[in-house]
Structures are given as structure tokens and as C-alpha cells.
N, C-alpha and C. Protein backbone atom coordinates (compact mmCIF):
# COMPACT_ATOMS: atom_id res chain seq x y z
N MET A 1 6.59 -5.99 -0.90
CA MET A 1 4.86 -5.69 -0.37
C MET A 1 5.19 -7.72 -0.24
N SER A 2 5.15 -7.95 0.09
CA SER A 2 4.74 -9.17 0.99
C SER A 2 5.48 -8.73 2.46
N ASN A 3 6.08 -8.10 3.07
CA ASN A 3 6.83 -7.81 4.13
C ASN A 3 5.62 -7.09 4.54
N ILE A 4 4.48 -5.87 3.85
CA ILE A 4 3.93 -5.56 4.29
C ILE A 4 2.61 -6.18 4.37
N GLN A 5 2.90 -7.05 3.55
CA GLN A 5 0.96 -8.02 4.16
C GLN A 5 1.61 -9.26 5.37
N ASP A 6 2.39 -9.46 4.88
CA ASP A 6 3.24 -9.65 6.53
C ASP A 6 2.62 -9.27 8.14
N LYS A 7 3.09 -7.72 7.73
CA LYS A 7 2.32 -7.32 8.79
C LYS A 7 0.92 -7.04 9.14
N ILE A 8 0.02 -6.64 7.60
CA ILE A 8 -1.45 -6.64 7.49
C ILE A 8 -1.76 -7.73 8.83
N SER A 9 -0.98 -9.16 8.93
CA SER A 9 -2.06 -10.22 8.73
C SER A 9 -1.18 -10.74 10.74
N GLN A 10 -0.24 -9.74 10.81
CA GLN A 10 0.12 -9.43 12.47
C GLN A 10 -0.85 -9.01 13.45
N GLU A 11 -1.17 -7.76 12.46
CA GLU A 11 -2.37 -6.25 13.15
C GLU A 11 -3.33 -7.15 12.83
N VAL A 12 -3.60 -7.64 12.13
CA VAL A 12 -5.41 -8.32 12.05
C VAL A 12 -5.31 -10.03 13.08
N GLU A 13 -4.72 -9.83 13.68
CA GLU A 13 -4.29 -11.05 14.51
C GLU A 13 -4.62 -10.28 15.51
N GLN A 14 -3.81 -9.74 16.52
CA GLN A 14 -2.91 -8.77 16.61
C GLN A 14 -4.57 -7.71 17.64
N ALA A 15 -5.52 -6.85 17.06
CA ALA A 15 -6.70 -6.57 16.63
C ALA A 15 -7.84 -7.54 16.67
N ARG A 16 -7.71 -8.62 16.00
CA ARG A 16 -8.97 -9.32 16.82
C ARG A 16 -8.75 -9.51 18.67
N ALA A 17 -8.03 -10.51 18.56
CA ALA A 17 -7.30 -10.29 20.06
C ALA A 17 -7.36 -9.35 20.62
N THR A 18 -7.15 -8.28 20.55
CA THR A 18 -7.21 -7.56 21.80
C THR A 18 -8.91 -7.16 21.88
N CYS A 19 -10.01 -7.45 20.76
CA CYS A 19 -10.63 -7.23 20.42
C CYS A 19 -11.57 -7.89 21.42
N ASP A 20 -11.27 -9.06 21.33
CA ASP A 20 -12.22 -10.15 22.48
C ASP A 20 -11.66 -10.02 23.29
N ILE A 21 -10.42 -9.68 23.73
CA ILE A 21 -9.87 -9.67 25.14
C ILE A 21 -10.82 -7.77 25.94
N THR A 22 -10.41 -7.01 25.44
CA THR A 22 -11.27 -5.68 25.73
C THR A 22 -12.39 -5.73 25.65
N GLY A 23 -12.66 -6.17 25.12
CA GLY A 23 -14.48 -6.51 23.73
C GLY A 23 -14.58 -5.06 22.63
N ASN A 24 -15.27 -5.38 22.25
CA ASN A 24 -15.17 -4.80 20.61
C ASN A 24 -16.07 -3.20 20.49
N ASN A 25 -16.30 -2.62 21.57
CA ASN A 25 -16.70 -1.08 21.68
C ASN A 25 -15.50 -0.46 22.06
N SER A 26 -14.40 -1.45 22.99
CA SER A 26 -13.00 0.22 23.69
C SER A 26 -12.81 -0.08 22.45
N ALA A 27 -11.72 1.24 23.36
CA ALA A 27 -10.66 2.01 22.36
C ALA A 27 -9.75 2.05 21.96
N GLU A 28 -9.14 0.94 23.47
CA GLU A 28 -8.28 -0.47 22.59
C GLU A 28 -8.48 -0.85 21.08
N CYS A 29 -9.71 -1.55 21.20
CA CYS A 29 -10.43 -2.15 19.93
C CYS A 29 -10.51 -1.90 18.37
N ALA A 30 -10.68 -0.53 18.73
CA ALA A 30 -10.65 0.46 17.85
C ALA A 30 -9.62 0.87 17.11
N ALA A 31 -8.83 1.62 18.10
CA ALA A 31 -6.83 1.62 17.56
C ALA A 31 -6.72 0.44 17.66
N ALA A 32 -6.37 -0.47 17.53
CA ALA A 32 -5.94 -1.81 16.94
C ALA A 32 -6.35 -1.99 15.09
N TRP A 33 -7.89 -1.91 15.36
CA TRP A 33 -8.60 -1.39 13.90
C TRP A 33 -7.68 -0.60 12.63
N ASP A 34 -7.38 0.33 13.32
CA ASP A 34 -6.78 1.86 12.93
C ASP A 34 -5.70 1.66 12.46
N ALA A 35 -4.51 1.29 13.84
CA ALA A 35 -4.08 0.09 13.16
C ALA A 35 -3.34 -0.33 11.36
N VAL A 36 -4.75 -1.39 12.03
CA VAL A 36 -4.59 -2.05 10.42
C VAL A 36 -5.00 -1.31 9.27
N GLU A 37 -5.70 -0.78 8.94
CA GLU A 37 -6.27 0.25 8.48
C GLU A 37 -5.74 0.92 7.82
N GLU A 38 -4.55 2.18 8.09
CA GLU A 38 -3.54 2.04 7.61
C GLU A 38 -2.44 1.20 7.56
N LEU A 39 -2.29 0.78 7.75
CA LEU A 39 -1.09 -0.11 6.54
C LEU A 39 -1.99 -0.32 5.64
N GLN A 40 -2.74 -1.26 5.65
CA GLN A 40 -3.96 -1.01 4.70
C GLN A 40 -3.70 0.15 3.10
N ALA A 41 -4.02 1.32 3.47
CA ALA A 41 -4.06 2.10 2.58
C ALA A 41 -2.26 2.92 2.02
N GLU A 42 -1.77 1.51 3.12
CA GLU A 42 0.14 1.97 2.81
C GLU A 42 0.93 1.14 1.86
N ALA A 43 0.05 0.25 2.06
CA ALA A 43 -0.33 -0.74 0.84
C ALA A 43 -0.88 -0.95 0.03
N SER A 44 -2.15 -0.31 -0.68
CA SER A 44 -2.91 0.13 -1.33
C SER A 44 -1.95 1.93 -2.16
N HIS A 45 -1.16 2.18 -1.23
CA HIS A 45 -0.29 3.45 -2.03
C HIS A 45 0.99 3.05 -3.04
N GLN A 46 1.33 1.64 -2.15
CA GLN A 46 3.17 1.62 -2.55
C GLN A 46 2.73 0.84 -3.92
N ARG A 47 0.57 0.05 -3.90
CA ARG A 47 0.81 -0.44 -5.06
C ARG A 47 0.56 0.33 -6.36
N GLN A 48 0.28 1.73 -6.52
CA GLN A 48 -0.62 2.29 -7.05
C GLN A 48 1.11 3.03 -7.80
N ALA A 49 1.26 3.73 -6.54
CA ALA A 49 3.25 4.53 -6.96
C ALA A 49 3.75 3.56 -7.19
N LYS A 50 3.55 2.31 -7.98
CA LYS A 50 5.28 1.64 -8.96
C LYS A 50 4.17 1.36 -9.69
N ARG A 51 3.80 1.39 -11.08
CA ARG A 51 2.44 1.09 -11.64
C ARG A 51 3.06 1.90 -13.03
N LYS A 52 2.95 1.46 -14.04
CA LYS A 52 3.66 2.81 -15.04
C LYS A 52 2.34 2.36 -16.44
N THR A 53 2.90 3.57 -16.80
CA THR A 53 1.84 2.59 -18.61
C THR A 53 2.58 2.74 -19.00
N SER A 54 1.79 1.89 -19.87
CA SER A 54 2.15 0.95 -20.87
C SER A 54 4.12 2.21 -22.21
N LEU A 55 3.32 3.25 -21.77
CA LEU A 55 4.08 4.48 -23.03
C LEU A 55 5.78 4.18 -21.96
N GLU A 56 5.18 4.83 -20.20
CA GLU A 56 6.53 5.53 -19.68
C GLU A 56 7.79 3.73 -20.08
N GLN A 57 6.91 2.89 -19.82
CA GLN A 57 7.43 1.03 -20.19
C GLN A 57 8.29 1.10 -21.63
N TYR A 58 7.70 1.45 -22.42
CA TYR A 58 8.92 1.42 -23.61
C TYR A 58 9.61 2.61 -23.43
N CYS A 59 9.51 3.90 -22.98
CA CYS A 59 10.68 5.27 -23.06
C CYS A 59 11.06 4.61 -21.46
N ASP A 60 11.30 3.72 -21.05
CA ASP A 60 12.38 3.23 -20.18
C ASP A 60 13.30 2.77 -21.22
N ALA A 61 12.55 2.09 -21.75
CA ALA A 61 12.78 0.56 -22.59
C ALA A 61 13.97 1.62 -23.54
N ASN A 62 13.24 2.21 -24.62
CA ASN A 62 13.51 3.00 -25.39
C ASN A 62 13.76 4.62 -25.51
N PRO A 63 14.93 5.32 -25.15
CA PRO A 63 14.50 6.48 -25.22
C PRO A 63 14.73 6.93 -26.38
N GLU A 64 15.81 6.39 -26.67
CA GLU A 64 15.69 7.32 -27.96
C GLU A 64 14.50 7.77 -28.85
N ALA A 65 13.76 6.58 -28.66
CA ALA A 65 12.66 6.77 -29.64
C ALA A 65 11.44 7.77 -30.20
N ASP A 66 10.95 8.57 -31.13
CA ASP A 66 10.73 9.62 -31.34
C ASP A 66 9.38 9.73 -30.75
N GLU A 67 8.44 8.53 -29.71
CA GLU A 67 7.21 9.48 -29.41
C GLU A 67 7.42 9.38 -27.73
N CYS A 68 9.28 9.70 -27.43
CA CYS A 68 9.37 9.58 -26.14
C CYS A 68 10.56 10.48 -26.03
N ARG A 69 10.52 11.75 -27.18
CA ARG A 69 11.34 12.76 -27.34
C ARG A 69 10.77 13.41 -26.21
N VAL A 70 10.96 14.34 -25.72
CA VAL A 70 10.87 15.46 -24.58
C VAL A 70 11.54 16.27 -24.75
N TYR A 71 10.63 17.73 -25.70
CA TYR A 71 10.92 19.35 -26.48
C TYR A 71 10.88 20.03 -24.61
N GLU A 72 12.10 21.23 -24.81
CA GLU A 72 12.02 22.38 -23.68
C GLU A 72 11.45 23.54 -24.71
N ASP A 73 10.57 23.91 -23.49
CA ASP A 73 10.56 25.48 -23.94
C ASP A 73 11.13 26.24 -24.74
């Protein structure tokens, strides 16, 4: 996760520099901030995908427990 945070920081610095050079209303500035937004969205998705419920964590550690049984129809 740290790698994507580093990339976000780099993109933010690059976006600020781009906007300083081309102006805040330029297409290049907007594109640079779009890239930052995309990376932030990806980081958010990665954080959400890694979370398991307490039951899932319990079943990973105790697959033979009654609470973790899966029945097929």
C-alpha cells in the first residue's frame, strides 16, 4: 500500500507543478489532477478489498468450526 501512496505524492507534486506552469484552467492541469484522482480511487479500492469480517478471519483460522461449515444444495 505504501507504494501507491508514494505514487500519489509524486503525482500531486507533478500536478501542482503542471498547474503552476500551464495555469489552473488549462487542460494539462485538469489531466494531471485526473491522474491523482484515479490513483486515489485505486488506493481506496485496494483498502476495501483487503478487509475481511471477523467471521471470515475466524473461519480462516478455524475452518473445521461449526460456524464455518458450508452446505451444498
